[in-house]
C-alpha atoms as a PDB file:
ATOM      1  CA  UNK A   1      -5.673  20.015 -18.170  1.00  0.00           C
ATOM      2  CA  UNK A   2      -7.727  22.560 -18.093  1.00  0.00           C
ATOM      3  CA  UNK A   3      -9.375  24.705 -16.007  1.00  0.00           C
ATOM      4  CA  UNK A   4     -13.454  24.545 -15.893  1.00  0.00           C
ATOM      5  CA  UNK A   5     -13.844  28.640 -15.256  1.00  0.00           C
ATOM      6  CA  UNK A   6     -11.579  31.413 -13.908  1.00  0.00           C
ATOM      7  CA  UNK A   7     -13.162  30.471 -10.477  1.00  0.00           C
ATOM      8  CA  UNK A   8     -13.094  27.137  -9.997  1.00  0.00           C
ATOM      9  CA  UNK A   9     -10.332  25.418  -8.743  1.00  0.00           C
ATOM     10  CA  UNK A  10     -11.758  21.999 -10.809  1.00  0.00           C
ATOM     11  CA  UNK A  11      -8.570  20.606 -13.272  1.00  0.00           C
ATOM     12  CA  UNK A  12      -9.772  18.106 -15.995  1.00  0.00           C
ATOM     13  CA  UNK A  13      -7.698  15.687 -17.479  1.00  0.00           C
ATOM     14  CA  UNK A  14      -8.548  13.191 -20.009  1.00  0.00           C
ATOM     15  CA  UNK A  15      -8.476   9.405 -18.811  1.00  0.00           C
ATOM     16  CA  UNK A  16      -7.183   6.613 -21.262  1.00  0.00           C
ATOM     17  CA  UNK A  17      -8.317   3.564 -22.702  1.00  0.00           C
ATOM     18  CA  UNK A  18      -5.943   1.519 -19.803  1.00  0.00           C
ATOM     19  CA  UNK A  19      -7.677   3.619 -17.243  1.00  0.00           C
ATOM     20  CA  UNK A  20      -4.522   6.066 -16.998  1.00  0.00           C
ATOM     21  CA  UNK A  21      -4.613   9.591 -16.140  1.00  0.00           C
ATOM     22  CA  UNK A  22      -1.624  12.297 -15.904  1.00  0.00           C
ATOM     23  CA  UNK A  23      -1.920  13.893 -12.844  1.00  0.00           C
ATOM     24  CA  UNK A  24      -1.425  18.092 -13.899  1.00  0.00           C
ATOM     25  CA  UNK A  25       2.567  19.176 -13.208  1.00  0.00           C
ATOM     26  CA  UNK A  26       0.508  22.182 -10.842  1.00  0.00           C
ATOM     27  CA  UNK A  27      -0.964  19.342  -8.666  1.00  0.00           C
ATOM     28  CA  UNK A  28       2.281  17.282  -8.516  1.00  0.00           C
ATOM     29  CA  UNK A  29       3.396  20.538  -7.191  1.00  0.00           C
ATOM     30  CA  UNK A  30       1.357  21.279  -4.620  1.00  0.00           C
ATOM     31  CA  UNK A  31       1.795  17.948  -3.487  1.00  0.00           C
ATOM     32  CA  UNK A  32       5.160  17.645  -3.688  1.00  0.00           C
ATOM     33  CA  UNK A  33       5.091  13.926  -5.240  1.00  0.00           C
ATOM     34  CA  UNK A  34       8.038  12.737  -6.950  1.00  0.00           C
ATOM     35  CA  UNK A  35       8.317  10.074 -10.288  1.00  0.00           C
ATOM     36  CA  UNK A  36       7.549   6.748  -9.073  1.00  0.00           C
ATOM     37  CA  UNK A  37       5.804   7.869  -6.069  1.00  0.00           C
ATOM     38  CA  UNK A  38       2.371   6.094  -5.050  1.00  0.00           C
ATOM     39  CA  UNK A  39      -0.634   8.009  -4.760  1.00  0.00           C
ATOM     40  CA  UNK A  40      -4.055   7.022  -2.791  1.00  0.00           C
ATOM     41  CA  UNK A  41      -6.988   7.361  -3.996  1.00  0.00           C
ATOM     42  CA  UNK A  42      -8.765   8.423  -0.699  1.00  0.00           C
ATOM     43  CA  UNK A  43     -13.267   7.543  -1.031  1.00  0.00           C
ATOM     44  CA  UNK A  44     -15.043  10.091   0.731  1.00  0.00           C
ATOM     45  CA  UNK A  45     -18.854   9.717  -0.547  1.00  0.00           C
ATOM     46  CA  UNK A  46     -19.101  10.751  -3.855  1.00  0.00           C
ATOM     47  CA  UNK A  47     -15.768  12.340  -3.956  1.00  0.00           C
ATOM     48  CA  UNK A  48     -12.246  10.558  -4.581  1.00  0.00           C
ATOM     49  CA  UNK A  49      -9.114  12.360  -3.311  1.00  0.00           C
ATOM     50  CA  UNK A  50      -5.726  11.754  -4.326  1.00  0.00           C
ATOM     51  CA  UNK A  51      -3.109  11.525  -1.305  1.00  0.00           C
ATOM     52  CA  UNK A  52       0.295  11.112  -1.755  1.00  0.00           C
ATOM     53  CA  UNK A  53       1.749   7.968   0.184  1.00  0.00           C
ATOM     54  CA  UNK A  54       4.671   8.758   2.153  1.00  0.00           C
ATOM     55  CA  UNK A  55       4.539   4.796   4.098  1.00  0.00           C
ATOM     56  CA  UNK A  56       4.840   1.855   2.104  1.00  0.00           C
ATOM     57  CA  UNK A  57       5.686  -1.749   2.661  1.00  0.00           C
ATOM     58  CA  UNK A  58       8.689  -0.988   0.439  1.00  0.00           C
ATOM     59  CA  UNK A  59       9.923   1.752   2.384  1.00  0.00           C
ATOM     60  CA  UNK A  60       9.234   0.321   5.876  1.00  0.00           C
ATOM     61  CA  UNK A  61      11.253  -2.879   5.028  1.00  0.00           C
ATOM     62  CA  UNK A  62      13.627  -3.583   8.280  1.00  0.00           C
ATOM     63  CA  UNK A  63      12.610  -1.239  10.337  1.00  0.00           C
ATOM     64  CA  UNK A  64      11.246  -3.294  12.910  1.00  0.00           C
ATOM     65  CA  UNK A  65      14.034  -5.811  14.731  1.00  0.00           C
ATOM     66  CA  UNK A  66      12.834  -9.374  15.139  1.00  0.00           C
ATOM     67  CA  UNK A  67      12.835 -11.075  18.344  1.00  0.00           C
ATOM     68  CA  UNK A  68      15.328 -14.281  17.304  1.00  0.00           C
ATOM     69  CA  UNK A  69      17.752 -13.385  14.467  1.00  0.00           C
ATOM     70  CA  UNK A  70      18.212 -15.239  12.924  1.00  0.00           C
ATOM     71  CA  UNK A  71      15.065 -17.017  12.348  1.00  0.00           C
ATOM     72  CA  UNK A  72      15.318 -21.126  12.703  1.00  0.00           C
ATOM     73  CA  UNK A  73      12.737 -21.965  10.547  1.00  0.00           C
ATOM     74  CA  UNK A  74      13.554 -25.476  10.457  1.00  0.00           C
ATOM     75  CA  UNK A  75      13.257 -25.955  14.439  1.00  0.00           C
ATOM     76  CA  UNK A  76       9.557 -23.949  14.273  1.00  0.00           C
ATOM     77  CA  UNK A  77       8.263 -26.334  11.449  1.00  0.00           C
ATOM     78  CA  UNK A  78       9.833 -29.394  13.245  1.00  0.00           C
ATOM     79  CA  UNK A  79       8.186 -27.534  16.845  1.00  0.00           C
ATOM     80  CA  UNK A  80       4.621 -27.100  14.774  1.00  0.00           C
ATOM     81  CA  UNK A  81       5.399 -30.793  13.614  1.00  0.00           C
ATOM     82  CA  UNK A  82       5.762 -32.102  16.843  1.00  0.00           C
ATOM     83  CA  UNK A  83       2.612 -30.116  18.130  1.00  0.00           C
ATOM     84  CA  UNK A  84       0.494 -31.399  15.625  1.00  0.00           C
ATOM     85  CA  UNK A  85       1.145 -35.254  15.903  1.00  0.00           C
ATOM     86  CA  UNK A  86       0.648 -34.872  20.001  1.00  0.00           C
ATOM     87  CA  UNK A  87      -2.552 -33.127  18.849  1.00  0.00           C
ATOM     88  CA  UNK A  88      -3.586 -35.536  16.911  1.00  0.00           C
ATOM     89  CA  UNK A  89      -2.561 -38.610  19.311  1.00  0.00           C
ATOM     90  CA  UNK A  90      -4.356 -36.960  22.118  1.00  0.00           C
ATOM     91  CA  UNK A  91      -8.080 -36.348  20.136  1.00  0.00           C
ATOM     92  CA  UNK A  92      -8.163 -40.137  19.432  1.00  0.00           C
ATOM     93  CA  UNK A  93     -10.822 -42.001  21.471  1.00  0.00           C
END
């Protein structure tokens, strides 16, 4: 990592052949990101901003209580098949 010049806040890093980059420690500290935390690339015009992701599907799993617990999928499948059968019978001439 290197600074472009003394007045520029632009930090440089190099991308590997596999498209990987190292986020400089200064930026990791500034964003308060931890190892294995996801980061997002936000595109604004011709710029890309690096932002920490605070909510993922994994992190919010279980935060919503289902209406019916536990779901009876066999009953739902049976109900859907019965509705399909009635629909198909009503559309025939």
